[in-house]
C-alpha atoms as a PDB file:
ATOM      1  CA  UNK A   1     -11.152  11.606  11.096  1.00  0.00           C
ATOM      2  CA  UNK A   2      -8.858  14.476  11.578  1.00  0.00           C
ATOM      3  CA  UNK A   3      -5.810  14.527  13.612  1.00  0.00           C
ATOM      4  CA  UNK A   4      -2.819  16.504  14.240  1.00  0.00           C
ATOM      5  CA  UNK A   5      -0.684  16.231  11.365  1.00  0.00           C
ATOM      6  CA  UNK A   6       3.037  15.223  11.665  1.00  0.00           C
ATOM      7  CA  UNK A   7       5.918  14.913   9.559  1.00  0.00           C
ATOM      8  CA  UNK A   8       5.639  11.236   7.577  1.00  0.00           C
ATOM      9  CA  UNK A   9       9.250  10.486   9.289  1.00  0.00           C
ATOM     10  CA  UNK A  10       7.370  10.332  12.600  1.00  0.00           C
ATOM     11  CA  UNK A  11       5.135   7.913  11.955  1.00  0.00           C
ATOM     12  CA  UNK A  12       5.078   3.739  12.575  1.00  0.00           C
ATOM     13  CA  UNK A  13       3.381   3.448   9.389  1.00  0.00           C
ATOM     14  CA  UNK A  14       6.592   3.656   7.685  1.00  0.00           C
ATOM     15  CA  UNK A  15       7.876   1.379   9.781  1.00  0.00           C
ATOM     16  CA  UNK A  16       5.637  -0.898   9.390  1.00  0.00           C
ATOM     17  CA  UNK A  17       5.572  -0.291   5.182  1.00  0.00           C
ATOM     18  CA  UNK A  18       9.145  -1.377   4.983  1.00  0.00           C
ATOM     19  CA  UNK A  19       8.897  -4.516   7.281  1.00  0.00           C
ATOM     20  CA  UNK A  20       5.816  -5.568   5.487  1.00  0.00           C
ATOM     21  CA  UNK A  21       7.596  -5.220   2.323  1.00  0.00           C
ATOM     22  CA  UNK A  22      11.144  -7.341   3.682  1.00  0.00           C
ATOM     23  CA  UNK A  23       8.481  -9.736   5.240  1.00  0.00           C
ATOM     24  CA  UNK A  24       6.536  -9.895   1.437  1.00  0.00           C
ATOM     25  CA  UNK A  25      10.014 -10.600   0.070  1.00  0.00           C
ATOM     26  CA  UNK A  26      10.569 -13.854   2.423  1.00  0.00           C
ATOM     27  CA  UNK A  27       7.265 -15.049   1.279  1.00  0.00           C
ATOM     28  CA  UNK A  28       7.703 -14.312  -2.453  1.00  0.00           C
ATOM     29  CA  UNK A  29      11.422 -16.339  -1.964  1.00  0.00           C
ATOM     30  CA  UNK A  30       9.545 -19.386  -0.198  1.00  0.00           C
ATOM     31  CA  UNK A  31       6.551 -18.941  -3.079  1.00  0.00           C
ATOM     32  CA  UNK A  32       3.631 -18.621  -0.136  1.00  0.00           C
ATOM     33  CA  UNK A  33       1.760 -16.198  -2.636  1.00  0.00           C
ATOM     34  CA  UNK A  34      -1.368 -15.309   0.031  1.00  0.00           C
ATOM     35  CA  UNK A  35       1.487 -14.499   2.636  1.00  0.00           C
ATOM     36  CA  UNK A  36       3.239 -12.070   0.460  1.00  0.00           C
ATOM     37  CA  UNK A  37       0.292 -10.940  -0.945  1.00  0.00           C
ATOM     38  CA  UNK A  38      -0.942  -9.518   2.778  1.00  0.00           C
ATOM     39  CA  UNK A  39       2.205  -8.170   3.590  1.00  0.00           C
ATOM     40  CA  UNK A  40       2.298  -6.133  -0.094  1.00  0.00           C
ATOM     41  CA  UNK A  41      -1.047  -4.958   0.787  1.00  0.00           C
ATOM     42  CA  UNK A  42      -0.254  -4.182   4.052  1.00  0.00           C
ATOM     43  CA  UNK A  43       2.677  -2.132   2.868  1.00  0.00           C
ATOM     44  CA  UNK A  44       0.694  -0.314   0.420  1.00  0.00           C
ATOM     45  CA  UNK A  45      -2.048   0.380   3.219  1.00  0.00           C
ATOM     46  CA  UNK A  46       1.036   1.669   5.761  1.00  0.00           C
ATOM     47  CA  UNK A  47       2.402   3.987   2.844  1.00  0.00           C
ATOM     48  CA  UNK A  48      -1.253   5.763   2.487  1.00  0.00           C
ATOM     49  CA  UNK A  49      -2.042   6.339   5.537  1.00  0.00           C
ATOM     50  CA  UNK A  50       1.297   7.677   6.236  1.00  0.00           C
ATOM     51  CA  UNK A  51       0.192  10.441   3.783  1.00  0.00           C
ATOM     52  CA  UNK A  52      -2.840  10.804   5.261  1.00  0.00           C
ATOM     53  CA  UNK A  53      -1.190  11.331   8.737  1.00  0.00           C
ATOM     54  CA  UNK A  54       0.941  13.952   7.776  1.00  0.00           C
ATOM     55  CA  UNK A  55      -2.198  15.965   6.092  1.00  0.00           C
ATOM     56  CA  UNK A  56      -4.359  15.231   9.445  1.00  0.00           C
ATOM     57  CA  UNK A  57      -6.098  12.607   8.480  1.00  0.00           C
ATOM     58  CA  UNK A  58      -7.383   9.107   9.888  1.00  0.00           C
ATOM     59  CA  UNK A  59      -8.009   6.043   7.357  1.00  0.00           C
ATOM     60  CA  UNK A  60     -10.031   3.303   8.704  1.00  0.00           C
ATOM     61  CA  UNK A  61     -12.216   1.516   6.427  1.00  0.00           C
ATOM     62  CA  UNK A  62     -11.383   0.553   2.634  1.00  0.00           C
ATOM     63  CA  UNK A  63     -13.796   3.091   1.505  1.00  0.00           C
ATOM     64  CA  UNK A  64     -11.715   6.079   3.079  1.00  0.00           C
ATOM     65  CA  UNK A  65      -8.576   4.388   1.515  1.00  0.00           C
ATOM     66  CA  UNK A  66      -9.723   4.560  -1.464  1.00  0.00           C
ATOM     67  CA  UNK A  67     -11.281   7.561  -1.090  1.00  0.00           C
ATOM     68  CA  UNK A  68      -7.730   9.069  -0.496  1.00  0.00           C
ATOM     69  CA  UNK A  69      -5.946   7.061  -2.956  1.00  0.00           C
ATOM     70  CA  UNK A  70      -8.365   8.521  -5.461  1.00  0.00           C
ATOM     71  CA  UNK A  71      -7.538  12.477  -4.398  1.00  0.00           C
ATOM     72  CA  UNK A  72      -4.023  11.505  -4.426  1.00  0.00           C
ATOM     73  CA  UNK A  73      -4.373  10.353  -7.999  1.00  0.00           C
ATOM     74  CA  UNK A  74      -6.362  13.745  -8.924  1.00  0.00           C
ATOM     75  CA  UNK A  75      -3.734  15.418  -7.482  1.00  0.00           C
ATOM     76  CA  UNK A  76      -1.034  13.132  -9.725  1.00  0.00           C
ATOM     77  CA  UNK A  77      -3.115  11.432 -12.422  1.00  0.00           C
ATOM     78  CA  UNK A  78       0.436  10.127 -14.055  1.00  0.00           C
ATOM     79  CA  UNK A  79       1.388   8.095 -10.873  1.00  0.00           C
ATOM     80  CA  UNK A  80      -1.475   5.952 -11.550  1.00  0.00           C
ATOM     81  CA  UNK A  81      -2.446   5.316  -8.088  1.00  0.00           C
ATOM     82  CA  UNK A  82      -5.946   3.990  -8.548  1.00  0.00           C
ATOM     83  CA  UNK A  83      -4.508   1.049 -10.658  1.00  0.00           C
ATOM     84  CA  UNK A  84      -1.974   0.699  -7.805  1.00  0.00           C
ATOM     85  CA  UNK A  85      -4.752   0.414  -5.598  1.00  0.00           C
ATOM     86  CA  UNK A  86      -6.848  -2.277  -7.551  1.00  0.00           C
ATOM     87  CA  UNK A  87      -3.509  -4.296  -7.709  1.00  0.00           C
ATOM     88  CA  UNK A  88      -2.745  -4.178  -3.925  1.00  0.00           C
ATOM     89  CA  UNK A  89      -6.811  -4.813  -3.374  1.00  0.00           C
ATOM     90  CA  UNK A  90      -6.521  -7.764  -5.560  1.00  0.00           C
ATOM     91  CA  UNK A  91      -3.437  -9.191  -3.761  1.00  0.00           C
ATOM     92  CA  UNK A  92      -5.194  -8.259  -0.131  1.00  0.00           C
ATOM     93  CA  UNK A  93      -8.349 -10.758  -1.418  1.00  0.00           C
ATOM     94  CA  UNK A  94      -5.812 -13.610  -2.921  1.00  0.00           C
ATOM     95  CA  UNK A  95      -4.687 -13.751   1.084  1.00  0.00           C
ATOM     96  CA  UNK A  96      -7.745 -15.470   1.696  1.00  0.00           C
ATOM     97  CA  UNK A  97      -8.947 -16.788  -1.559  1.00  0.00           C
ATOM     98  CA  UNK A  98      -5.745 -18.044  -2.897  1.00  0.00           C
ATOM     99  CA  UNK A  99      -6.950 -17.309  -6.331  1.00  0.00           C
ATOM    100  CA  UNK A 100      -3.566 -15.538  -7.741  1.00  0.00           C
ATOM    101  CA  UNK A 101      -0.855 -17.649  -9.554  1.00  0.00           C
ATOM    102  CA  UNK A 102       2.564 -16.540  -8.488  1.00  0.00           C
ATOM    103  CA  UNK A 103       3.104 -14.637 -11.655  1.00  0.00           C
ATOM    104  CA  UNK A 104       0.130 -12.089 -10.840  1.00  0.00           C
ATOM    105  CA  UNK A 105       1.482 -11.904  -7.464  1.00  0.00           C
ATOM    106  CA  UNK A 106       5.051 -11.118  -8.632  1.00  0.00           C
ATOM    107  CA  UNK A 107       3.589  -8.668 -11.401  1.00  0.00           C
ATOM    108  CA  UNK A 108       1.280  -6.669  -8.803  1.00  0.00           C
ATOM    109  CA  UNK A 109       4.348  -6.656  -6.362  1.00  0.00           C
ATOM    110  CA  UNK A 110       6.181  -4.476  -9.020  1.00  0.00           C
ATOM    111  CA  UNK A 111       3.456  -2.101  -9.432  1.00  0.00           C
ATOM    112  CA  UNK A 112       2.834  -1.910  -5.296  1.00  0.00           C
ATOM    113  CA  UNK A 113       6.130  -1.235  -4.833  1.00  0.00           C
ATOM    114  CA  UNK A 114       6.354   1.549  -7.373  1.00  0.00           C
ATOM    115  CA  UNK A 115       3.119   2.989  -5.928  1.00  0.00           C
ATOM    116  CA  UNK A 116       4.723   3.012  -2.636  1.00  0.00           C
ATOM    117  CA  UNK A 117       7.237   5.134  -3.777  1.00  0.00           C
ATOM    118  CA  UNK A 118       5.841   7.556  -5.274  1.00  0.00           C
ATOM    119  CA  UNK A 119       3.327   7.712  -2.118  1.00  0.00           C
ATOM    120  CA  UNK A 120       6.059   8.269   0.290  1.00  0.00           C
ATOM    121  CA  UNK A 121       7.443  10.850  -2.319  1.00  0.00           C
ATOM    122  CA  UNK A 122       4.612  12.763  -1.853  1.00  0.00           C
ATOM    123  CA  UNK A 123       5.194  13.315   1.761  1.00  0.00           C
ATOM    124  CA  UNK A 124       8.915  14.547   1.495  1.00  0.00           C
END
């Protein structure tokens, strides 16, 4: 769905992204890996949504998010955003299943946070 394009800095998605990253840090310190996982997924999602919004698009389903990440990946394959999406989505599943050990969550966090930085650079 198309919407009016705005500067990325006008979007609440970026504010939510920062909040989710802070929350993830807190939950990681508490070793609450399912909660940290969901916050990292949320931060990744909000960064992707912010870039999509800047381009006049609205993302509402996992498929639309995956397709948009694929588009970003095709534009800059060196950023490996598809891989980051798979890490983020695995973290999202971990919120419900609590199946990932802490070291995996911490490793995925690094991948996701790097991807978020690269995604937000896209819009600057």
